[in-house]
């Protein structure tokens, strides 16, 4: 397993370091993962707007919202989903992954 990571976008190295160093350098610290039937770009966009315009991706029917540690309280998140027309089977919050780093540095998901 590697100890250092390089984020490369269109042939340019945007950042290098350990995962901890890269996470420390970005605003988004958590990945809110949503599994729901019929997730769409429109419903994910609506939920992201309700949570303050946070970056988001939709990958294989699973939604990801990138939240800052000082972001919306966890009690607000299910209400935002309901208001956006998302009825989740599961919502999980993870930290210490490369996904929020990549999204924040490049402005898009890995497959965009």
C-alpha atoms as a PDB file:
ATOM      1  CA  UNK A   1       0.000   0.000   0.000  1.00  0.00           C
ATOM      2  CA  UNK A   2       1.306   3.463  -0.830  1.00  0.00           C
ATOM      3  CA  UNK A   3       2.047   6.101   1.787  1.00  0.00           C
ATOM      4  CA  UNK A   4       1.916   9.170  -0.461  1.00  0.00           C
ATOM      5  CA  UNK A   5      -0.738  10.230  -2.969  1.00  0.00           C
ATOM      6  CA  UNK A   6      -0.648  12.538  -5.968  1.00  0.00           C
ATOM      7  CA  UNK A   7      -3.878  14.058  -7.285  1.00  0.00           C
ATOM      8  CA  UNK A   8      -3.459  14.556 -11.046  1.00  0.00           C
ATOM      9  CA  UNK A   9      -5.999  16.346 -13.239  1.00  0.00           C
ATOM     10  CA  UNK A  10      -5.548  16.787 -16.992  1.00  0.00           C
ATOM     11  CA  UNK A  11      -1.834  15.988 -16.691  1.00  0.00           C
ATOM     12  CA  UNK A  12      -1.173  18.480 -13.868  1.00  0.00           C
ATOM     13  CA  UNK A  13      -0.255  17.446 -10.333  1.00  0.00           C
ATOM     14  CA  UNK A  14      -2.627  19.381  -8.065  1.00  0.00           C
ATOM     15  CA  UNK A  15      -1.444  18.057  -4.700  1.00  0.00           C
ATOM     16  CA  UNK A  16       0.816  15.452  -3.154  1.00  0.00           C
ATOM     17  CA  UNK A  17       1.193  14.097   0.364  1.00  0.00           C
ATOM     18  CA  UNK A  18      -0.091  11.473   2.716  1.00  0.00           C
ATOM     19  CA  UNK A  19      -3.846  10.966   2.919  1.00  0.00           C
ATOM     20  CA  UNK A  20      -3.879  12.728   6.310  1.00  0.00           C
ATOM     21  CA  UNK A  21      -1.966  15.722   4.878  1.00  0.00           C
ATOM     22  CA  UNK A  22      -4.324  16.004   1.903  1.00  0.00           C
ATOM     23  CA  UNK A  23      -7.445  15.746   4.077  1.00  0.00           C
ATOM     24  CA  UNK A  24      -6.063  18.357   6.468  1.00  0.00           C
ATOM     25  CA  UNK A  25      -5.630  20.783   3.558  1.00  0.00           C
ATOM     26  CA  UNK A  26      -9.232  20.756   2.312  1.00  0.00           C
ATOM     27  CA  UNK A  27     -12.525  22.105   3.663  1.00  0.00           C
ATOM     28  CA  UNK A  28     -14.597  18.943   3.165  1.00  0.00           C
ATOM     29  CA  UNK A  29     -13.650  16.416   5.825  1.00  0.00           C
ATOM     30  CA  UNK A  30     -16.527  13.942   5.619  1.00  0.00           C
ATOM     31  CA  UNK A  31     -18.235  11.967   2.861  1.00  0.00           C
ATOM     32  CA  UNK A  32     -21.978  11.599   3.457  1.00  0.00           C
ATOM     33  CA  UNK A  33     -22.993   8.460   1.538  1.00  0.00           C
ATOM     34  CA  UNK A  34     -26.651   7.999   0.580  1.00  0.00           C
ATOM     35  CA  UNK A  35     -28.229   4.863  -0.807  1.00  0.00           C
ATOM     36  CA  UNK A  36     -31.784   5.312  -2.069  1.00  0.00           C
ATOM     37  CA  UNK A  37     -33.981   4.041  -4.862  1.00  0.00           C
ATOM     38  CA  UNK A  38     -34.176   6.375  -7.827  1.00  0.00           C
ATOM     39  CA  UNK A  39     -31.484   8.881  -6.849  1.00  0.00           C
ATOM     40  CA  UNK A  40     -31.094  11.421  -9.638  1.00  0.00           C
ATOM     41  CA  UNK A  41     -28.812  14.331 -10.388  1.00  0.00           C
ATOM     42  CA  UNK A  42     -31.747  16.649  -9.646  1.00  0.00           C
ATOM     43  CA  UNK A  43     -32.518  15.203  -6.204  1.00  0.00           C
ATOM     44  CA  UNK A  44     -28.823  15.129  -5.244  1.00  0.00           C
ATOM     45  CA  UNK A  45     -28.435  18.734  -6.396  1.00  0.00           C
ATOM     46  CA  UNK A  46     -31.489  19.735  -4.339  1.00  0.00           C
ATOM     47  CA  UNK A  47     -30.152  18.023  -1.205  1.00  0.00           C
ATOM     48  CA  UNK A  48     -26.707  19.582  -1.673  1.00  0.00           C
ATOM     49  CA  UNK A  49     -28.373  23.008  -1.933  1.00  0.00           C
ATOM     50  CA  UNK A  50     -30.354  22.380   1.266  1.00  0.00           C
ATOM     51  CA  UNK A  51     -27.093  21.528   3.051  1.00  0.00           C
ATOM     52  CA  UNK A  52     -25.491  24.800   2.014  1.00  0.00           C
ATOM     53  CA  UNK A  53     -24.415  24.119  -1.568  1.00  0.00           C
ATOM     54  CA  UNK A  54     -21.920  21.377  -0.709  1.00  0.00           C
ATOM     55  CA  UNK A  55     -20.067  19.499  -3.479  1.00  0.00           C
ATOM     56  CA  UNK A  56     -21.686  16.207  -4.453  1.00  0.00           C
ATOM     57  CA  UNK A  57     -21.408  13.266  -6.837  1.00  0.00           C
ATOM     58  CA  UNK A  58     -23.667  10.455  -7.956  1.00  0.00           C
ATOM     59  CA  UNK A  59     -21.691   7.287  -8.590  1.00  0.00           C
ATOM     60  CA  UNK A  60     -23.426   4.068  -9.613  1.00  0.00           C
ATOM     61  CA  UNK A  61     -26.695   5.059  -7.961  1.00  0.00           C
ATOM     62  CA  UNK A  62     -24.991   6.015  -4.688  1.00  0.00           C
ATOM     63  CA  UNK A  63     -24.881   9.684  -3.691  1.00  0.00           C
ATOM     64  CA  UNK A  64     -21.899  11.337  -2.020  1.00  0.00           C
ATOM     65  CA  UNK A  65     -21.987  14.774  -0.392  1.00  0.00           C
ATOM     66  CA  UNK A  66     -18.780  16.356   0.843  1.00  0.00           C
ATOM     67  CA  UNK A  67     -19.268  18.047   4.198  1.00  0.00           C
ATOM     68  CA  UNK A  68     -16.994  20.235   6.263  1.00  0.00           C
ATOM     69  CA  UNK A  69     -16.584  19.241   9.904  1.00  0.00           C
ATOM     70  CA  UNK A  70     -18.426  22.443  10.764  1.00  0.00           C
ATOM     71  CA  UNK A  71     -21.167  21.672   8.232  1.00  0.00           C
ATOM     72  CA  UNK A  72     -24.871  21.157   8.872  1.00  0.00           C
ATOM     73  CA  UNK A  73     -25.729  19.274  12.062  1.00  0.00           C
ATOM     74  CA  UNK A  74     -26.370  15.579  11.569  1.00  0.00           C
ATOM     75  CA  UNK A  75     -29.981  16.047  12.723  1.00  0.00           C
ATOM     76  CA  UNK A  76     -30.579  18.310   9.673  1.00  0.00           C
ATOM     77  CA  UNK A  77     -29.365  15.791   7.083  1.00  0.00           C
ATOM     78  CA  UNK A  78     -32.389  13.415   7.037  1.00  0.00           C
ATOM     79  CA  UNK A  79     -34.742  16.418   6.769  1.00  0.00           C
ATOM     80  CA  UNK A  80     -32.750  17.751   3.820  1.00  0.00           C
ATOM     81  CA  UNK A  81     -33.053  14.354   2.119  1.00  0.00           C
ATOM     82  CA  UNK A  82     -36.822  14.275   2.690  1.00  0.00           C
ATOM     83  CA  UNK A  83     -37.233  17.855   1.425  1.00  0.00           C
ATOM     84  CA  UNK A  84     -35.247  16.983  -1.713  1.00  0.00           C
ATOM     85  CA  UNK A  85     -37.474  13.960  -2.439  1.00  0.00           C
ATOM     86  CA  UNK A  86     -34.854  11.396  -1.405  1.00  0.00           C
ATOM     87  CA  UNK A  87     -36.030   8.491   0.732  1.00  0.00           C
ATOM     88  CA  UNK A  88     -32.820   6.745   1.790  1.00  0.00           C
ATOM     89  CA  UNK A  89     -32.365   3.085   2.549  1.00  0.00           C
ATOM     90  CA  UNK A  90     -29.095   4.028   4.238  1.00  0.00           C
ATOM     91  CA  UNK A  91     -27.114   7.150   5.134  1.00  0.00           C
ATOM     92  CA  UNK A  92     -23.554   6.852   6.384  1.00  0.00           C
ATOM     93  CA  UNK A  93     -20.878   9.395   7.137  1.00  0.00           C
ATOM     94  CA  UNK A  94     -17.271   8.467   6.540  1.00  0.00           C
ATOM     95  CA  UNK A  95     -14.027  10.321   6.961  1.00  0.00           C
ATOM     96  CA  UNK A  96     -10.411   9.867   5.974  1.00  0.00           C
ATOM     97  CA  UNK A  97     -11.023   8.856   2.365  1.00  0.00           C
ATOM     98  CA  UNK A  98      -9.608  10.200  -0.880  1.00  0.00           C
ATOM     99  CA  UNK A  99     -13.042  11.003  -2.376  1.00  0.00           C
ATOM    100  CA  UNK A 100     -13.573  14.451  -0.721  1.00  0.00           C
ATOM    101  CA  UNK A 101      -9.967  15.391  -1.512  1.00  0.00           C
ATOM    102  CA  UNK A 102     -10.337  14.537  -5.204  1.00  0.00           C
ATOM    103  CA  UNK A 103     -13.709  16.261  -5.553  1.00  0.00           C
ATOM    104  CA  UNK A 104     -12.570  19.460  -3.849  1.00  0.00           C
ATOM    105  CA  UNK A 105      -9.286  19.714  -5.757  1.00  0.00           C
ATOM    106  CA  UNK A 106     -10.638  18.880  -9.226  1.00  0.00           C
ATOM    107  CA  UNK A 107     -14.251  20.026  -8.963  1.00  0.00           C
ATOM    108  CA  UNK A 108     -15.593  16.723 -10.246  1.00  0.00           C
ATOM    109  CA  UNK A 109     -15.921  13.031  -9.520  1.00  0.00           C
ATOM    110  CA  UNK A 110     -13.335  10.553 -10.716  1.00  0.00           C
ATOM    111  CA  UNK A 111     -15.518   9.451 -13.658  1.00  0.00           C
ATOM    112  CA  UNK A 112     -16.635  12.923 -14.881  1.00  0.00           C
END
